[in-house]
Amino acid sequence: MSGAKLQYKKMSLEELVVLSQQNDLKALEELIKREQKNVFAAFSYLTEKRENISDLTQEALMRVAKNIGSLKNPKNFKSWLNTIITNLFYDELRKSARKPDTISIDEDDCENSTFNMLSLIPDKKCKPHEKCISNELEKIIKEAIQKLPEQFRIAIVLRELQGLSYEEIARATHSSVGTVKSRIARARCKLQEGLKAYI
């Protein structure tokens, strides 16, 4: 039994997706286990309401389990999962009857948009005396991202945290690649301004 469990742990994401689509419940369980932290992290950066993060994560994972058979290409799993996350995030915004901020994407981009959010995310393997600083920095980064307008927030989280390509983000957000690039550049610029004191 433990040998079988170990076998699933060694599988690639794509292999797990294929087996899950063939109703292999152990593969689906491993797939969900592997992705839950990632999904939780995405929602924790997207939503300011802490009480909603667990519910949104659970709903996203339930949708994965329920609809995995509808995914045509297992290679597109990450993109498909992030479309689920994006849709749930926008549903949540509609539910809270909050109108998304509108931003002109024609405004000048920040001159120095080489800002990389990943370089600011603390290393989880830091020494005990560094942990306090790491946790504080992570909190500051999270708050800075949550202050971004919704379109910028979702674009930067999908790009920097989830590692999606511009094309995948465009599909997930029903936008053009140009719009996605502009939103990410503007989001990086705003984050750079907001985090100036900490960088």
N, C-alpha and C. Protein backbone atom coordinates (compact mmCIF):
# COMPACT_ATOMS: atom_id res chain seq x y z
N MET A 1 0.83 -1.21 0.00
CA MET A 1 0.00 0.00 0.00
C MET A 1 0.87 1.27 0.00
N SER A 2 1.88 1.29 0.91
CA SER A 2 2.75 2.47 0.96
C SER A 2 3.60 2.58 -0.30
N GLY A 3 3.92 1.43 -0.92
CA GLY A 3 4.66 1.41 -2.19
C GLY A 3 3.87 2.08 -3.29
N ALA A 4 2.54 1.80 -3.31
CA ALA A 4 1.66 2.41 -4.31
C ALA A 4 1.57 3.92 -4.10
N LYS A 5 1.52 4.33 -2.83
CA LYS A 5 1.44 5.76 -2.51
C LYS A 5 2.69 6.47 -3.00
N LEU A 6 3.83 5.85 -2.76
CA LEU A 6 5.11 6.41 -3.15
C LEU A 6 5.19 6.58 -4.67
N GLN A 7 4.62 5.60 -5.37
CA GLN A 7 4.61 5.62 -6.83
C GLN A 7 3.91 6.89 -7.34
N TYR A 8 2.79 7.27 -6.73
CA TYR A 8 2.06 8.47 -7.14
C TYR A 8 2.86 9.73 -6.84
N LYS A 9 3.58 9.71 -5.72
CA LYS A 9 4.38 10.89 -5.33
C LYS A 9 5.49 11.17 -6.34
N LYS A 10 5.98 10.12 -7.00
CA LYS A 10 7.07 10.28 -7.97
C LYS A 10 6.58 10.71 -9.35
N MET A 11 5.29 10.64 -9.57
CA MET A 11 4.74 10.94 -10.90
C MET A 11 4.78 12.44 -11.21
N SER A 12 4.87 12.72 -12.51
CA SER A 12 4.82 14.12 -12.94
C SER A 12 3.37 14.60 -12.86
N LEU A 13 3.21 15.89 -12.90
CA LEU A 13 1.87 16.49 -12.85
C LEU A 13 1.01 15.97 -14.00
N GLU A 14 1.62 15.90 -15.18
CA GLU A 14 0.90 15.45 -16.37
C GLU A 14 0.41 14.00 -16.22
N GLU A 15 1.27 13.14 -15.67
CA GLU A 15 0.88 11.74 -15.45
C GLU A 15 -0.30 11.64 -14.49
N LEU A 16 -0.24 12.45 -13.43
CA LEU A 16 -1.33 12.45 -12.45
C LEU A 16 -2.64 12.93 -13.07
N VAL A 17 -2.54 13.93 -13.94
CA VAL A 17 -3.74 14.45 -14.62
C VAL A 17 -4.36 13.36 -15.50
N VAL A 18 -3.52 12.69 -16.28
CA VAL A 18 -4.00 11.63 -17.18
C VAL A 18 -4.70 10.52 -16.38
N LEU A 19 -4.07 10.06 -15.29
CA LEU A 19 -4.68 9.01 -14.46
C LEU A 19 -5.96 9.50 -13.78
N SER A 20 -5.97 10.76 -13.35
CA SER A 20 -7.17 11.33 -12.73
C SER A 20 -8.33 11.34 -13.72
N GLN A 21 -8.02 11.61 -14.98
CA GLN A 21 -9.05 11.62 -16.02
C GLN A 21 -9.58 10.21 -16.30
N GLN A 22 -8.78 9.21 -15.89
CA GLN A 22 -9.22 7.80 -16.05
C GLN A 22 -9.85 7.29 -14.75
N ASN A 23 -10.32 8.22 -13.93
CA ASN A 23 -10.99 7.91 -12.65
C ASN A 23 -10.11 7.20 -11.63
N ASP A 24 -8.79 7.45 -11.67
CA ASP A 24 -7.89 6.93 -10.65
C ASP A 24 -7.94 7.90 -9.47
N LEU A 25 -8.65 7.52 -8.41
CA LEU A 25 -8.88 8.41 -7.27
C LEU A 25 -7.61 8.71 -6.48
N LYS A 26 -6.68 7.75 -6.44
CA LYS A 26 -5.41 7.98 -5.73
C LYS A 26 -4.57 9.03 -6.46
N ALA A 27 -4.60 8.98 -7.78
CA ALA A 27 -3.88 9.98 -8.59
C ALA A 27 -4.51 11.36 -8.39
N LEU A 28 -5.84 11.40 -8.36
CA LEU A 28 -6.55 12.66 -8.14
C LEU A 28 -6.23 13.23 -6.75
N GLU A 29 -6.19 12.35 -5.77
CA GLU A 29 -5.87 12.75 -4.40
C GLU A 29 -4.47 13.37 -4.33
N GLU A 30 -3.51 12.74 -5.00
CA GLU A 30 -2.13 13.24 -5.03
C GLU A 30 -2.06 14.58 -5.77
N LEU A 31 -2.81 14.68 -6.86
CA LEU A 31 -2.85 15.91 -7.66
C LEU A 31 -3.38 17.08 -6.82
N ILE A 32 -4.47 16.84 -6.11
CA ILE A 32 -5.08 17.86 -5.25
C ILE A 32 -4.10 18.25 -4.14
N LYS A 33 -3.49 17.24 -3.52
CA LYS A 33 -2.54 17.47 -2.42
C LYS A 33 -1.37 18.34 -2.90
N ARG A 34 -0.91 18.04 -4.12
CA ARG A 34 0.25 18.75 -4.67
C ARG A 34 -0.07 20.21 -5.00
N GLU A 35 -1.32 20.46 -5.41
CA GLU A 35 -1.68 21.80 -5.87
C GLU A 35 -2.32 22.69 -4.80
N GLN A 36 -2.76 22.10 -3.67
CA GLN A 36 -3.54 22.90 -2.72
C GLN A 36 -2.78 24.10 -2.14
N LYS A 37 -1.49 23.93 -1.84
CA LYS A 37 -0.71 25.06 -1.29
C LYS A 37 -0.60 26.19 -2.30
N ASN A 38 -0.40 25.80 -3.55
CA ASN A 38 -0.27 26.75 -4.65
C ASN A 38 -1.56 27.57 -4.81
N VAL A 39 -2.70 26.87 -4.78
CA VAL A 39 -4.01 27.51 -4.93
C VAL A 39 -4.26 28.44 -3.74
N PHE A 40 -3.96 27.95 -2.54
CA PHE A 40 -4.14 28.74 -1.32
C PHE A 40 -3.29 30.01 -1.39
N ALA A 41 -2.03 29.86 -1.84
CA ALA A 41 -1.13 31.01 -1.95
C ALA A 41 -1.68 32.05 -2.93
N ALA A 42 -2.19 31.58 -4.07
CA ALA A 42 -2.76 32.50 -5.07
C ALA A 42 -3.89 33.31 -4.47
N PHE A 43 -4.83 32.62 -3.79
CA PHE A 43 -5.97 33.34 -3.20
C PHE A 43 -5.53 34.25 -2.05
N SER A 44 -4.49 33.85 -1.32
CA SER A 44 -4.05 34.69 -0.20
C SER A 44 -3.45 36.01 -0.71
N TYR A 45 -2.93 36.01 -1.94
CA TYR A 45 -2.43 37.25 -2.53
C TYR A 45 -3.55 38.03 -3.22
N LEU A 46 -4.57 37.32 -3.68
CA LEU A 46 -5.63 37.98 -4.44
C LEU A 46 -6.70 38.64 -3.56
N THR A 47 -7.07 37.97 -2.48
CA THR A 47 -8.18 38.49 -1.69
C THR A 47 -7.73 39.03 -0.34
N GLU A 48 -8.33 40.15 0.05
CA GLU A 48 -8.00 40.78 1.33
C GLU A 48 -8.74 40.11 2.48
N LYS A 49 -9.85 39.46 2.18
CA LYS A 49 -10.67 38.84 3.23
C LYS A 49 -10.13 37.47 3.58
N ARG A 50 -9.41 37.40 4.69
CA ARG A 50 -8.76 36.15 5.11
C ARG A 50 -9.75 35.00 5.23
N GLU A 51 -10.96 35.31 5.69
CA GLU A 51 -11.95 34.24 5.92
C GLU A 51 -12.40 33.58 4.62
N ASN A 52 -12.18 34.25 3.48
CA ASN A 52 -12.60 33.69 2.19
C ASN A 52 -11.56 32.78 1.55
N ILE A 53 -10.30 32.89 1.99
CA ILE A 53 -9.21 32.17 1.31
C ILE A 53 -9.42 30.65 1.33
N SER A 54 -9.73 30.09 2.51
CA SER A 54 -9.93 28.64 2.61
C SER A 54 -11.12 28.17 1.79
N ASP A 55 -12.22 28.94 1.83
CA ASP A 55 -13.42 28.58 1.07
C ASP A 55 -13.14 28.60 -0.43
N LEU A 56 -12.44 29.63 -0.88
CA LEU A 56 -12.12 29.74 -2.31
C LEU A 56 -11.18 28.61 -2.75
N THR A 57 -10.21 28.29 -1.89
CA THR A 57 -9.27 27.19 -2.19
C THR A 57 -10.03 25.88 -2.31
N GLN A 58 -10.91 25.62 -1.35
CA GLN A 58 -11.69 24.39 -1.35
C GLN A 58 -12.58 24.30 -2.59
N GLU A 59 -13.21 25.42 -2.94
CA GLU A 59 -14.08 25.45 -4.12
C GLU A 59 -13.27 25.20 -5.40
N ALA A 60 -12.10 25.80 -5.50
CA ALA A 60 -11.24 25.61 -6.68
C ALA A 60 -10.84 24.14 -6.82
N LEU A 61 -10.43 23.53 -5.71
CA LEU A 61 -10.00 22.12 -5.74
C LEU A 61 -11.17 21.18 -6.04
N MET A 62 -12.35 21.55 -5.54
CA MET A 62 -13.54 20.74 -5.85
C MET A 62 -13.86 20.82 -7.34
N ARG A 63 -13.70 22.00 -7.92
CA ARG A 63 -13.95 22.16 -9.37
C ARG A 63 -12.94 21.36 -10.18
N VAL A 64 -11.70 21.31 -9.70
CA VAL A 64 -10.67 20.51 -10.37
C VAL A 64 -11.11 19.05 -10.37
N ALA A 65 -11.48 18.54 -9.18
CA ALA A 65 -11.87 17.14 -9.04
C ALA A 65 -13.09 16.81 -9.91
N LYS A 66 -14.04 17.72 -9.92
CA LYS A 66 -15.31 17.50 -10.64
C LYS A 66 -15.14 17.59 -12.16
N ASN A 67 -14.27 18.50 -12.61
CA ASN A 67 -14.20 18.78 -14.05
C ASN A 67 -12.91 18.33 -14.74
N ILE A 68 -12.07 17.58 -14.04
CA ILE A 68 -10.78 17.17 -14.62
C ILE A 68 -10.96 16.44 -15.96
N GLY A 69 -12.06 15.71 -16.10
CA GLY A 69 -12.35 14.98 -17.35
C GLY A 69 -12.56 15.89 -18.55
N SER A 70 -12.93 17.15 -18.30
CA SER A 70 -13.21 18.08 -19.40
C SER A 70 -11.95 18.74 -19.95
N LEU A 71 -10.81 18.55 -19.25
CA LEU A 71 -9.55 19.14 -19.72
C LEU A 71 -9.05 18.33 -20.92
N LYS A 72 -8.99 18.98 -22.08
CA LYS A 72 -8.63 18.26 -23.30
C LYS A 72 -7.15 17.88 -23.37
N ASN A 73 -6.27 18.81 -22.96
CA ASN A 73 -4.84 18.54 -23.04
C ASN A 73 -4.22 18.61 -21.64
N PRO A 74 -3.78 17.45 -21.09
CA PRO A 74 -3.18 17.43 -19.75
C PRO A 74 -1.99 18.38 -19.58
N LYS A 75 -1.32 18.73 -20.69
CA LYS A 75 -0.19 19.67 -20.61
C LYS A 75 -0.66 21.06 -20.21
N ASN A 76 -1.94 21.35 -20.43
CA ASN A 76 -2.50 22.67 -20.11
C ASN A 76 -3.10 22.73 -18.72
N PHE A 77 -2.78 21.77 -17.87
CA PHE A 77 -3.40 21.72 -16.54
C PHE A 77 -3.21 23.00 -15.74
N LYS A 78 -1.97 23.51 -15.67
CA LYS A 78 -1.67 24.72 -14.88
C LYS A 78 -2.51 25.91 -15.36
N SER A 79 -2.56 26.07 -16.66
CA SER A 79 -3.33 27.15 -17.25
C SER A 79 -4.82 26.99 -16.93
N TRP A 80 -5.31 25.76 -17.05
CA TRP A 80 -6.72 25.44 -16.77
C TRP A 80 -7.05 25.70 -15.30
N LEU A 81 -6.16 25.27 -14.40
CA LEU A 81 -6.35 25.48 -12.97
C LEU A 81 -6.40 26.98 -12.66
N ASN A 82 -5.53 27.75 -13.28
CA ASN A 82 -5.50 29.18 -13.02
C ASN A 82 -6.69 29.92 -13.62
N THR A 83 -7.31 29.34 -14.64
CA THR A 83 -8.57 29.90 -15.15
C THR A 83 -9.66 29.70 -14.09
N ILE A 84 -9.65 28.54 -13.44
CA ILE A 84 -10.61 28.27 -12.35
C ILE A 84 -10.39 29.28 -11.22
N ILE A 85 -9.14 29.49 -10.84
CA ILE A 85 -8.81 30.46 -9.77
C ILE A 85 -9.29 31.86 -10.15
N THR A 86 -9.00 32.26 -11.39
CA THR A 86 -9.39 33.59 -11.87
C THR A 86 -10.91 33.76 -11.85
N ASN A 87 -11.61 32.76 -12.37
CA ASN A 87 -13.09 32.84 -12.40
C ASN A 87 -13.68 32.93 -11.00
N LEU A 88 -13.13 32.14 -10.07
CA LEU A 88 -13.61 32.19 -8.69
C LEU A 88 -13.34 33.55 -8.05
N PHE A 89 -12.18 34.11 -8.35
CA PHE A 89 -11.82 35.42 -7.82
C PHE A 89 -12.81 36.48 -8.31
N TYR A 90 -13.10 36.45 -9.62
CA TYR A 90 -14.05 37.42 -10.18
C TYR A 90 -15.48 37.18 -9.66
N ASP A 91 -15.85 35.91 -9.48
CA ASP A 91 -17.16 35.60 -8.88
C ASP A 91 -17.28 36.20 -7.49
N GLU A 92 -16.19 36.07 -6.73
CA GLU A 92 -16.15 36.60 -5.36
C GLU A 92 -16.30 38.12 -5.37
N LEU A 93 -15.65 38.77 -6.33
CA LEU A 93 -15.78 40.22 -6.45
C LEU A 93 -17.22 40.62 -6.76
N ARG A 94 -17.85 39.86 -7.67
CA ARG A 94 -19.24 40.16 -8.03
C ARG A 94 -20.17 39.95 -6.84
N LYS A 95 -19.90 38.87 -6.09
CA LYS A 95 -20.72 38.56 -4.91
C LYS A 95 -20.67 39.68 -3.89
N SER A 96 -19.47 40.22 -3.69
CA SER A 96 -19.33 41.28 -2.70
C SER A 96 -19.79 42.62 -3.29
N ALA A 97 -20.36 42.56 -4.49
CA ALA A 97 -20.95 43.72 -5.17
C ALA A 97 -19.99 44.91 -5.23
N ARG A 98 -18.74 44.58 -5.33
CA ARG A 98 -17.74 45.64 -5.42
C ARG A 98 -17.35 45.82 -6.87
N LYS A 99 -17.47 47.03 -7.35
CA LYS A 99 -17.14 47.30 -8.74
C LYS A 99 -15.62 47.33 -8.93
N PRO A 100 -15.09 46.54 -9.87
CA PRO A 100 -13.63 46.55 -10.08
C PRO A 100 -13.14 47.94 -10.49
N ASP A 101 -11.98 48.31 -9.98
CA ASP A 101 -11.39 49.59 -10.36
C ASP A 101 -11.08 49.56 -11.85
N THR A 102 -11.31 50.67 -12.53
CA THR A 102 -10.96 50.71 -13.94
C THR A 102 -9.72 51.57 -14.11
N ILE A 103 -8.83 51.11 -14.95
CA ILE A 103 -7.55 51.75 -15.14
C ILE A 103 -7.30 51.91 -16.63
N SER A 104 -6.73 53.01 -17.00
CA SER A 104 -6.34 53.17 -18.39
C SER A 104 -5.03 52.43 -18.60
N ILE A 105 -5.01 51.55 -19.59
CA ILE A 105 -3.75 50.83 -19.85
C ILE A 105 -2.87 51.64 -20.78
N ASP A 106 -3.35 52.84 -21.16
CA ASP A 106 -2.57 53.69 -22.05
C ASP A 106 -1.60 54.59 -21.31
N GLU A 107 -1.72 54.64 -19.96
CA GLU A 107 -0.82 55.47 -19.18
C GLU A 107 0.61 55.00 -19.37
N ASP A 108 1.56 55.92 -19.21
CA ASP A 108 2.97 55.57 -19.40
C ASP A 108 3.39 54.46 -18.46
N ASP A 109 4.13 53.51 -18.99
CA ASP A 109 4.69 52.44 -18.16
C ASP A 109 5.85 53.01 -17.37
N CYS A 110 6.11 52.41 -16.25
CA CYS A 110 7.25 52.82 -15.42
C CYS A 110 8.53 52.59 -16.22
N GLU A 111 9.44 53.55 -16.17
CA GLU A 111 10.69 53.42 -16.93
C GLU A 111 11.46 52.17 -16.52
N ASN A 112 11.48 51.92 -15.23
CA ASN A 112 12.31 50.83 -14.72
C ASN A 112 11.43 49.65 -14.32
N SER A 113 10.87 48.94 -15.29
CA SER A 113 9.93 47.87 -14.94
C SER A 113 10.60 46.50 -14.95
N THR A 114 11.84 46.44 -14.51
CA THR A 114 12.54 45.16 -14.40
C THR A 114 12.30 44.54 -13.03
N PHE A 115 11.38 45.14 -12.28
CA PHE A 115 11.03 44.69 -10.94
C PHE A 115 10.59 43.23 -10.97
N ASN A 116 11.16 42.42 -10.10
CA ASN A 116 10.80 41.00 -10.05
C ASN A 116 10.29 40.67 -8.66
N MET A 117 8.98 40.37 -8.59
CA MET A 117 8.35 40.10 -7.31
C MET A 117 8.93 38.86 -6.65
N LEU A 118 9.30 37.86 -7.46
CA LEU A 118 9.80 36.61 -6.91
C LEU A 118 11.06 36.82 -6.07
N SER A 119 11.86 37.82 -6.44
CA SER A 119 13.08 38.06 -5.67
C SER A 119 12.76 38.61 -4.28
N LEU A 120 11.52 39.07 -4.08
CA LEU A 120 11.14 39.62 -2.78
C LEU A 120 10.44 38.59 -1.89
N ILE A 121 10.03 37.47 -2.47
CA ILE A 121 9.32 36.47 -1.67
C ILE A 121 10.33 35.74 -0.81
N PRO A 122 10.10 35.75 0.51
CA PRO A 122 11.09 35.19 1.43
C PRO A 122 11.35 33.70 1.22
N ASP A 123 12.57 33.31 1.49
CA ASP A 123 12.98 31.91 1.42
C ASP A 123 12.45 31.18 2.64
N LYS A 124 11.67 30.14 2.41
CA LYS A 124 11.05 29.40 3.52
C LYS A 124 12.09 28.65 4.35
N LYS A 125 13.29 28.46 3.81
CA LYS A 125 14.32 27.70 4.53
C LYS A 125 15.23 28.60 5.34
N CYS A 126 14.77 29.84 5.63
CA CYS A 126 15.65 30.76 6.34
C CYS A 126 15.88 30.33 7.80
N LYS A 127 16.96 30.82 8.37
CA LYS A 127 17.31 30.49 9.76
C LYS A 127 16.31 31.13 10.73
N PRO A 128 16.17 30.55 11.94
CA PRO A 128 15.17 31.06 12.89
C PRO A 128 15.21 32.58 13.11
N HIS A 129 16.42 33.16 13.24
CA HIS A 129 16.49 34.60 13.51
C HIS A 129 16.07 35.44 12.29
N GLU A 130 16.04 34.80 11.10
CA GLU A 130 15.61 35.52 9.89
C GLU A 130 14.11 35.39 9.66
N LYS A 131 13.50 34.41 10.34
CA LYS A 131 12.09 34.09 10.09
C LYS A 131 11.17 35.28 10.32
N CYS A 132 11.41 36.02 11.40
CA CYS A 132 10.58 37.16 11.75
C CYS A 132 10.60 38.21 10.63
N ILE A 133 11.81 38.50 10.11
CA ILE A 133 11.96 39.47 9.03
C ILE A 133 11.27 38.95 7.77
N SER A 134 11.46 37.65 7.48
CA SER A 134 10.84 37.04 6.30
C SER A 134 9.32 37.13 6.36
N ASN A 135 8.75 36.78 7.52
CA ASN A 135 7.30 36.81 7.68
C ASN A 135 6.77 38.23 7.53
N GLU A 136 7.49 39.18 8.08
CA GLU A 136 7.08 40.59 8.00
C GLU A 136 7.13 41.07 6.55
N LEU A 137 8.20 40.70 5.83
CA LEU A 137 8.35 41.10 4.43
C LEU A 137 7.24 40.48 3.58
N GLU A 138 6.96 39.20 3.82
CA GLU A 138 5.90 38.53 3.07
C GLU A 138 4.56 39.23 3.28
N LYS A 139 4.30 39.63 4.53
CA LYS A 139 3.06 40.33 4.87
C LYS A 139 2.98 41.67 4.12
N ILE A 140 4.10 42.39 4.07
CA ILE A 140 4.15 43.69 3.39
C ILE A 140 3.91 43.53 1.89
N ILE A 141 4.54 42.49 1.30
CA ILE A 141 4.37 42.23 -0.13
C ILE A 141 2.91 41.88 -0.44
N LYS A 142 2.35 41.01 0.40
CA LYS A 142 0.95 40.58 0.23
C LYS A 142 0.01 41.79 0.27
N GLU A 143 0.24 42.66 1.25
CA GLU A 143 -0.61 43.87 1.39
C GLU A 143 -0.45 44.79 0.19
N ALA A 144 0.78 44.91 -0.32
CA ALA A 144 1.03 45.76 -1.50
C ALA A 144 0.31 45.21 -2.72
N ILE A 145 0.32 43.89 -2.88
CA ILE A 145 -0.37 43.25 -4.01
C ILE A 145 -1.89 43.43 -3.87
N GLN A 146 -2.39 43.26 -2.64
CA GLN A 146 -3.82 43.38 -2.42
C GLN A 146 -4.34 44.80 -2.64
N LYS A 147 -3.45 45.79 -2.58
CA LYS A 147 -3.86 47.18 -2.83
C LYS A 147 -3.95 47.48 -4.32
N LEU A 148 -3.38 46.60 -5.15
CA LEU A 148 -3.44 46.81 -6.60
C LEU A 148 -4.87 46.66 -7.10
N PRO A 149 -5.23 47.38 -8.18
CA PRO A 149 -6.55 47.14 -8.79
C PRO A 149 -6.66 45.68 -9.24
N GLU A 150 -7.89 45.16 -9.28
CA GLU A 150 -8.12 43.73 -9.54
C GLU A 150 -7.41 43.20 -10.79
N GLN A 151 -7.51 43.98 -11.91
CA GLN A 151 -6.91 43.47 -13.16
C GLN A 151 -5.39 43.33 -13.02
N PHE A 152 -4.76 44.25 -12.31
CA PHE A 152 -3.32 44.19 -12.10
C PHE A 152 -2.96 43.05 -11.16
N ARG A 153 -3.77 42.93 -10.12
CA ARG A 153 -3.51 41.91 -9.08
C ARG A 153 -3.53 40.51 -9.69
N ILE A 154 -4.58 40.21 -10.45
CA ILE A 154 -4.70 38.87 -11.03
C ILE A 154 -3.57 38.63 -12.03
N ALA A 155 -3.21 39.64 -12.82
CA ALA A 155 -2.14 39.46 -13.82
C ALA A 155 -0.79 39.20 -13.15
N ILE A 156 -0.46 39.96 -12.12
CA ILE A 156 0.84 39.80 -11.46
C ILE A 156 0.93 38.48 -10.69
N VAL A 157 -0.18 38.06 -10.08
CA VAL A 157 -0.19 36.79 -9.34
C VAL A 157 -0.04 35.62 -10.30
N LEU A 158 -0.77 35.66 -11.42
CA LEU A 158 -0.67 34.56 -12.40
C LEU A 158 0.72 34.50 -13.03
N ARG A 159 1.33 35.67 -13.22
CA ARG A 159 2.65 35.69 -13.86
C ARG A 159 3.77 35.33 -12.87
N GLU A 160 3.83 36.04 -11.75
CA GLU A 160 4.96 35.91 -10.83
C GLU A 160 4.84 34.73 -9.87
N LEU A 161 3.62 34.48 -9.39
CA LEU A 161 3.45 33.40 -8.41
C LEU A 161 3.15 32.07 -9.08
N GLN A 162 2.30 32.11 -10.11
CA GLN A 162 1.88 30.87 -10.75
C GLN A 162 2.72 30.51 -11.97
N GLY A 163 3.51 31.46 -12.46
CA GLY A 163 4.44 31.18 -13.55
C GLY A 163 3.80 30.99 -14.91
N LEU A 164 2.64 31.60 -15.14
CA LEU A 164 1.97 31.45 -16.44
C LEU A 164 2.60 32.36 -17.48
N SER A 165 2.48 31.94 -18.74
CA SER A 165 2.98 32.78 -19.84
C SER A 165 1.96 33.89 -20.09
N TYR A 166 2.36 34.91 -20.86
CA TYR A 166 1.43 36.00 -21.19
C TYR A 166 0.20 35.46 -21.92
N GLU A 167 0.43 34.49 -22.81
CA GLU A 167 -0.67 33.91 -23.59
C GLU A 167 -1.67 33.19 -22.68
N GLU A 168 -1.14 32.44 -21.71
CA GLU A 168 -2.01 31.72 -20.77
C GLU A 168 -2.81 32.69 -19.90
N ILE A 169 -2.17 33.77 -19.49
CA ILE A 169 -2.87 34.77 -18.68
C ILE A 169 -3.96 35.44 -19.52
N ALA A 170 -3.63 35.72 -20.77
CA ALA A 170 -4.61 36.33 -21.68
C ALA A 170 -5.85 35.44 -21.81
N ARG A 171 -5.62 34.12 -21.95
CA ARG A 171 -6.75 33.18 -22.05
C ARG A 171 -7.55 33.16 -20.75
N ALA A 172 -6.84 33.09 -19.62
CA ALA A 172 -7.51 32.99 -18.31
C ALA A 172 -8.32 34.24 -17.98
N THR A 173 -7.85 35.39 -18.45
CA THR A 173 -8.53 36.66 -18.10
C THR A 173 -9.35 37.23 -19.26
N HIS A 174 -9.43 36.48 -20.36
CA HIS A 174 -10.18 36.91 -21.56
C HIS A 174 -9.71 38.29 -22.02
N SER A 175 -8.38 38.45 -22.09
CA SER A 175 -7.78 39.72 -22.52
C SER A 175 -6.81 39.44 -23.65
N SER A 176 -6.30 40.51 -24.25
CA SER A 176 -5.27 40.34 -25.28
C SER A 176 -3.91 40.26 -24.59
N VAL A 177 -2.94 39.71 -25.31
CA VAL A 177 -1.58 39.59 -24.77
C VAL A 177 -1.00 40.98 -24.48
N GLY A 178 -1.28 41.93 -25.34
CA GLY A 178 -0.82 43.30 -25.14
C GLY A 178 -1.36 43.91 -23.85
N THR A 179 -2.63 43.67 -23.59
CA THR A 179 -3.27 44.16 -22.36
C THR A 179 -2.62 43.53 -21.14
N VAL A 180 -2.37 42.22 -21.23
CA VAL A 180 -1.75 41.49 -20.12
C VAL A 180 -0.36 42.06 -19.85
N LYS A 181 0.44 42.25 -20.89
CA LYS A 181 1.80 42.80 -20.72
C LYS A 181 1.76 44.18 -20.08
N SER A 182 0.82 44.99 -20.53
CA SER A 182 0.68 46.34 -19.99
C SER A 182 0.29 46.30 -18.51
N ARG A 183 -0.66 45.42 -18.17
CA ARG A 183 -1.10 45.31 -16.77
C ARG A 183 0.04 44.85 -15.87
N ILE A 184 0.83 43.90 -16.35
CA ILE A 184 1.94 43.38 -15.54
C ILE A 184 3.00 44.46 -15.35
N ALA A 185 3.31 45.19 -16.42
CA ALA A 185 4.30 46.26 -16.32
C ALA A 185 3.84 47.32 -15.33
N ARG A 186 2.55 47.69 -15.41
CA ARG A 186 2.00 48.70 -14.50
C ARG A 186 1.94 48.18 -13.07
N ALA A 187 1.61 46.90 -12.91
CA ALA A 187 1.56 46.30 -11.56
C ALA A 187 2.94 46.30 -10.94
N ARG A 188 3.96 45.92 -11.71
CA ARG A 188 5.34 45.90 -11.21
C ARG A 188 5.77 47.31 -10.80
N CYS A 189 5.37 48.27 -11.62
CA CYS A 189 5.71 49.66 -11.35
C CYS A 189 5.09 50.13 -10.03
N LYS A 190 3.81 49.84 -9.85
CA LYS A 190 3.11 50.23 -8.62
C LYS A 190 3.70 49.52 -7.40
N LEU A 191 4.03 48.24 -7.56
CA LEU A 191 4.63 47.50 -6.45
C LEU A 191 6.00 48.08 -6.10
N GLN A 192 6.76 48.42 -7.12
CA GLN A 192 8.08 49.00 -6.89
C GLN A 192 7.97 50.29 -6.09
N GLU A 193 6.98 51.12 -6.46
CA GLU A 193 6.75 52.37 -5.72
C GLU A 193 6.36 52.08 -4.28
N GLY A 194 5.41 51.14 -4.11
CA GLY A 194 4.89 50.82 -2.79
C GLY A 194 5.91 50.15 -1.87
N LEU A 195 6.87 49.45 -2.46
CA LEU A 195 7.83 48.69 -1.66
C LEU A 195 9.21 49.36 -1.62
N LYS A 196 9.29 50.60 -2.13
CA LYS A 196 10.56 51.33 -2.19
C LYS A 196 11.33 51.31 -0.87
N ALA A 197 10.60 51.50 0.20
CA ALA A 197 11.24 51.59 1.53
C ALA A 197 11.83 50.25 1.99
N TYR A 198 11.36 49.14 1.38
CA TYR A 198 11.78 47.81 1.84
C TYR A 198 12.79 47.14 0.93
N ILE A 199 12.98 47.68 -0.26
CA ILE A 199 13.87 47.03 -1.24
C ILE A 199 15.29 47.52 -1.04
